[in-house]
Amino acid sequence: MVPFENLAAFALAALALAALPGPSVLFIIGRSLSLGRAAGLLSVVGNASGMALQVIAVAAGIGALVASSIVAFTIIKFAGAAYLVYLGVQAIRHRNRASDDAARPAPRTLWRVYGEAAIVGVSNPKSIVFFVAILPQFVERSSGSVPLQLAELGLIFLLFAVFFDSIWALTAGSARRWFATSPKRMANLGATGGVLMIGLGGGLALTGNKS
């Protein structure tokens, strides 16, 4: 187990980082604006699930390998960026369908919404680097299993991330409900969500290069 002092220090750091808007927040807002509040919350869960796989990988030592390999890092970075751009383009293409269901996506699309968010979460190289660089700083080797401590710290960060991302999803989803009173306004809002995701994908591809 992580010593209490280390745990408290990390909790404060995780709280501050999770509260600040970042790539995950932009993705969640984009999904909530394009698909609605329910899809936004489902995207929060999916994104967290993908990040949970990263925590497991880091705890097992795989994350450090990816972060230290230029080829692996670059492949994951551009794959994630391309997928975000694809989702953004799809949101813009289908923006006129947004007014048909302003509350939530059709039940048959829920697993797809979750799966898309999980792919985005697991393919975000910035969070891999964060977990690799930050989590070990709060581990005490004399306090037991290092992988278990890394997993414990990662879980704390994910809990904070889910809490704050959910607030953003609810806020954006509620705004979407108000915009739904106008089909044209609703279509523009859906397109805005798509533009956010395209911009996020482009930013992910152009920043954080390793050398």
Protein backbone atom coordinates (compact mmCIF):
# COMPACT_ATOMS: atom_id res chain seq x y z
CA MET A 1 0.00 0.00 0.00
CA VAL A 2 1.08 3.57 -0.68
CA PRO A 3 2.13 5.38 2.53
CA PHE A 4 -0.49 7.84 3.76
CA GLU A 5 1.78 10.86 3.29
CA ASN A 6 2.48 9.92 -0.33
CA LEU A 7 -1.18 9.12 -0.91
CA ALA A 8 -2.33 12.49 0.43
CA ALA A 9 0.25 14.38 -1.64
CA PHE A 10 -0.73 12.52 -4.80
CA ALA A 11 -4.44 13.03 -4.11
CA LEU A 12 -3.91 16.80 -4.02
CA ALA A 13 -1.91 16.71 -7.26
CA ALA A 14 -4.46 14.43 -8.95
CA LEU A 15 -7.32 16.66 -7.81
CA ALA A 16 -5.70 19.73 -9.34
CA LEU A 17 -4.83 17.98 -12.60
CA ALA A 18 -8.24 16.35 -13.01
CA ALA A 19 -10.06 19.63 -12.36
CA LEU A 20 -8.19 21.46 -15.12
CA PRO A 21 -9.71 21.15 -18.61
CA GLY A 22 -7.55 18.97 -20.82
CA PRO A 23 -7.80 16.70 -23.88
CA SER A 24 -10.25 14.34 -22.16
CA VAL A 25 -12.52 17.24 -21.19
CA LEU A 26 -12.57 18.56 -24.76
CA PHE A 27 -13.44 15.09 -26.03
CA ILE A 28 -16.24 14.67 -23.49
CA ILE A 29 -17.67 18.12 -24.28
CA GLY A 30 -17.55 17.37 -27.98
CA ARG A 31 -19.40 14.08 -27.52
CA SER A 32 -22.00 15.65 -25.23
CA LEU A 33 -22.66 18.46 -27.70
CA SER A 34 -22.88 16.09 -30.65
CA LEU A 35 -24.77 13.15 -29.10
CA GLY A 36 -26.33 14.35 -25.86
CA ARG A 37 -25.92 14.08 -22.11
CA ALA A 38 -26.33 10.30 -21.85
CA ALA A 39 -23.72 9.72 -24.54
CA GLY A 40 -21.45 12.23 -22.83
CA LEU A 41 -21.63 10.35 -19.52
CA LEU A 42 -21.11 7.05 -21.32
CA SER A 43 -18.08 8.57 -23.02
CA VAL A 44 -16.73 9.50 -19.58
CA VAL A 45 -16.96 5.85 -18.52
CA GLY A 46 -15.47 4.62 -21.79
CA ASN A 47 -12.61 7.10 -21.68
CA ALA A 48 -11.86 6.13 -18.06
CA SER A 49 -11.91 2.45 -19.03
CA GLY A 50 -9.29 3.09 -21.70
CA MET A 51 -7.15 5.02 -19.25
CA ALA A 52 -7.55 2.18 -16.73
CA LEU A 53 -5.90 -0.13 -19.25
CA GLN A 54 -3.03 2.34 -19.42
CA VAL A 55 -2.69 2.26 -15.63
CA ILE A 56 -2.57 -1.53 -15.73
CA ALA A 57 0.06 -1.38 -18.48
CA VAL A 58 2.17 1.10 -16.52
CA ALA A 59 1.90 -1.01 -13.37
CA ALA A 60 3.04 -4.02 -15.38
CA GLY A 61 5.95 -2.10 -16.89
CA ILE A 62 4.59 -1.85 -20.44
CA GLY A 63 3.87 1.87 -20.19
CA ALA A 64 7.51 2.70 -19.49
CA LEU A 65 8.52 0.78 -22.60
CA VAL A 66 6.02 2.66 -24.75
CA ALA A 67 7.04 6.01 -23.33
CA SER A 68 10.72 5.30 -23.99
CA SER A 69 10.19 4.02 -27.53
CA ILE A 70 9.91 6.72 -30.18
CA VAL A 71 8.30 4.32 -32.66
CA ALA A 72 5.68 2.97 -30.23
CA PHE A 73 4.91 6.43 -28.88
CA THR A 74 4.52 7.90 -32.38
CA ILE A 75 2.28 5.08 -33.59
CA ILE A 76 -0.06 5.43 -30.61
CA LYS A 77 -0.07 9.22 -30.86
CA PHE A 78 -1.03 9.38 -34.53
CA ALA A 79 -3.49 6.49 -34.26
CA GLY A 80 -5.31 8.28 -31.45
CA ALA A 81 -5.20 11.60 -33.29
CA ALA A 82 -6.55 10.07 -36.51
CA TYR A 83 -9.39 8.39 -34.63
CA LEU A 84 -10.41 11.67 -33.00
CA VAL A 85 -10.43 13.41 -36.37
CA TYR A 86 -12.56 10.57 -37.77
CA LEU A 87 -15.09 10.94 -34.95
CA GLY A 88 -15.17 14.71 -35.49
CA VAL A 89 -15.78 14.34 -39.22
CA GLN A 90 -18.58 11.87 -38.54
CA ALA A 91 -20.20 14.30 -36.10
CA ILE A 92 -20.12 17.07 -38.72
CA ARG A 93 -21.43 14.80 -41.48
CA HIS A 94 -24.40 13.70 -39.36
CA ARG A 95 -25.06 17.05 -37.68
CA ASN A 96 -28.56 17.29 -39.17
CA ARG A 97 -29.58 14.11 -37.35
CA ALA A 98 -28.87 15.68 -33.98
CA SER A 99 -32.32 17.23 -33.62
CA ASP A 100 -34.00 13.83 -34.00
CA ASP A 101 -32.93 12.76 -30.52
CA ALA A 102 -31.66 15.54 -28.28
CA ALA A 103 -31.80 13.52 -25.08
CA ARG A 104 -29.78 10.36 -25.76
CA PRO A 105 -28.48 8.10 -28.53
CA ALA A 106 -30.55 5.11 -29.60
CA PRO A 107 -30.04 2.08 -27.33
CA ARG A 108 -28.35 0.13 -30.09
CA THR A 109 -25.60 2.75 -30.30
CA LEU A 110 -24.67 2.79 -26.60
CA TRP A 111 -22.00 0.10 -26.86
CA ARG A 112 -20.56 1.86 -29.86
CA VAL A 113 -20.40 5.16 -27.97
CA TYR A 114 -18.68 3.41 -25.08
CA GLY A 115 -16.25 1.57 -27.36
CA GLU A 116 -15.26 4.71 -29.25
CA ALA A 117 -14.52 6.54 -26.00
CA ALA A 118 -12.51 3.58 -24.68
CA ILE A 119 -10.37 3.61 -27.84
CA VAL A 120 -9.73 7.33 -27.39
CA GLY A 121 -8.81 6.79 -23.73
CA VAL A 122 -6.40 3.91 -24.32
CA SER A 123 -4.74 5.57 -27.34
CA ASN A 124 -3.99 8.90 -25.63
CA PRO A 125 -0.16 8.98 -25.41
CA LYS A 126 -0.17 12.04 -23.16
CA SER A 127 -1.86 10.13 -20.36
CA ILE A 128 0.61 7.26 -20.80
CA VAL A 129 3.50 9.68 -20.33
CA PHE A 130 1.71 11.24 -17.34
CA PHE A 131 1.24 7.89 -15.64
CA VAL A 132 4.82 6.81 -16.37
CA ALA A 133 6.34 10.10 -15.21
CA ILE A 134 4.15 10.94 -12.20
CA LEU A 135 2.93 7.75 -10.55
CA PRO A 136 6.38 6.35 -9.66
CA GLN A 137 7.25 9.59 -7.85
CA PHE A 138 4.78 8.70 -5.08
CA VAL A 139 5.73 5.03 -4.71
CA GLU A 140 7.63 3.83 -1.65
CA ARG A 141 9.53 0.64 -2.50
CA SER A 142 9.77 -0.36 1.14
CA SER A 143 5.97 -0.28 1.51
CA GLY A 144 5.16 -3.36 -0.51
CA SER A 145 4.39 -4.31 -4.10
CA VAL A 146 5.33 -1.49 -6.49
CA PRO A 147 2.84 -2.56 -9.21
CA LEU A 148 0.05 -2.58 -6.61
CA GLN A 149 1.01 0.90 -5.43
CA LEU A 150 1.06 2.19 -9.02
CA ALA A 151 -2.39 0.70 -9.62
CA GLU A 152 -3.68 2.28 -6.42
CA LEU A 153 -2.42 5.73 -7.43
CA GLY A 154 -3.83 5.34 -10.92
CA LEU A 155 -7.23 4.40 -9.51
CA ILE A 156 -7.30 7.57 -7.40
CA PHE A 157 -6.59 9.72 -10.44
CA LEU A 158 -9.27 7.95 -12.47
CA LEU A 159 -11.87 8.56 -9.76
CA PHE A 160 -11.13 12.29 -9.79
CA ALA A 161 -11.15 12.32 -13.60
CA VAL A 162 -14.53 10.58 -13.80
CA PHE A 163 -16.03 13.01 -11.28
CA PHE A 164 -14.93 16.19 -13.05
CA ASP A 165 -15.46 14.83 -16.58
CA SER A 166 -19.02 13.91 -15.59
CA ILE A 167 -19.66 17.50 -14.53
CA TRP A 168 -18.49 18.72 -17.93
CA ALA A 169 -20.63 16.10 -19.68
CA LEU A 170 -23.75 17.08 -17.73
CA THR A 171 -23.14 20.78 -18.34
CA ALA A 172 -22.59 20.38 -22.08
CA GLY A 173 -25.48 17.92 -22.36
CA SER A 174 -27.85 20.33 -20.60
CA ALA A 175 -26.81 23.13 -22.95
CA ARG A 176 -27.55 20.80 -25.86
CA ARG A 177 -31.10 20.26 -24.58
CA TRP A 178 -31.70 24.01 -24.68
CA PHE A 179 -30.29 24.27 -28.21
CA ALA A 180 -32.56 21.41 -29.31
CA THR A 181 -35.51 23.83 -29.51
CA SER A 182 -34.11 24.97 -32.88
CA PRO A 183 -33.16 22.31 -35.49
CA LYS A 184 -30.73 24.69 -37.20
CA ARG A 185 -29.13 25.66 -33.91
CA MET A 186 -28.98 21.97 -33.00
CA ALA A 187 -27.19 21.12 -36.25
CA ASN A 188 -24.68 23.91 -35.66
CA LEU A 189 -24.09 22.64 -32.14
CA GLY A 190 -23.45 19.11 -33.39
CA ALA A 191 -20.97 20.49 -35.91
CA THR A 192 -19.27 22.43 -33.11
CA GLY A 193 -18.74 19.21 -31.19
CA GLY A 194 -17.19 17.69 -34.32
CA VAL A 195 -14.87 20.67 -34.78
CA LEU A 196 -13.74 20.32 -31.14
CA MET A 197 -12.79 16.70 -31.71
CA ILE A 198 -10.99 17.46 -34.99
CA GLY A 199 -9.08 20.25 -33.29
CA LEU A 200 -8.19 17.95 -30.41
CA GLY A 201 -6.95 15.30 -32.83
CA GLY A 202 -4.86 17.83 -34.72
CA GLY A 203 -3.40 19.19 -31.50
CA LEU A 204 -2.54 15.70 -30.33
CA ALA A 205 -0.72 14.97 -33.59
CA LEU A 206 1.25 18.22 -33.62
CA THR A 207 2.34 18.39 -29.98
CA GLY A 208 4.27 16.21 -27.58
CA ASN A 209 6.77 14.93 -30.14
CA LYS A 210 9.52 12.76 -28.66
CA SER A 211 13.10 13.07 -29.77
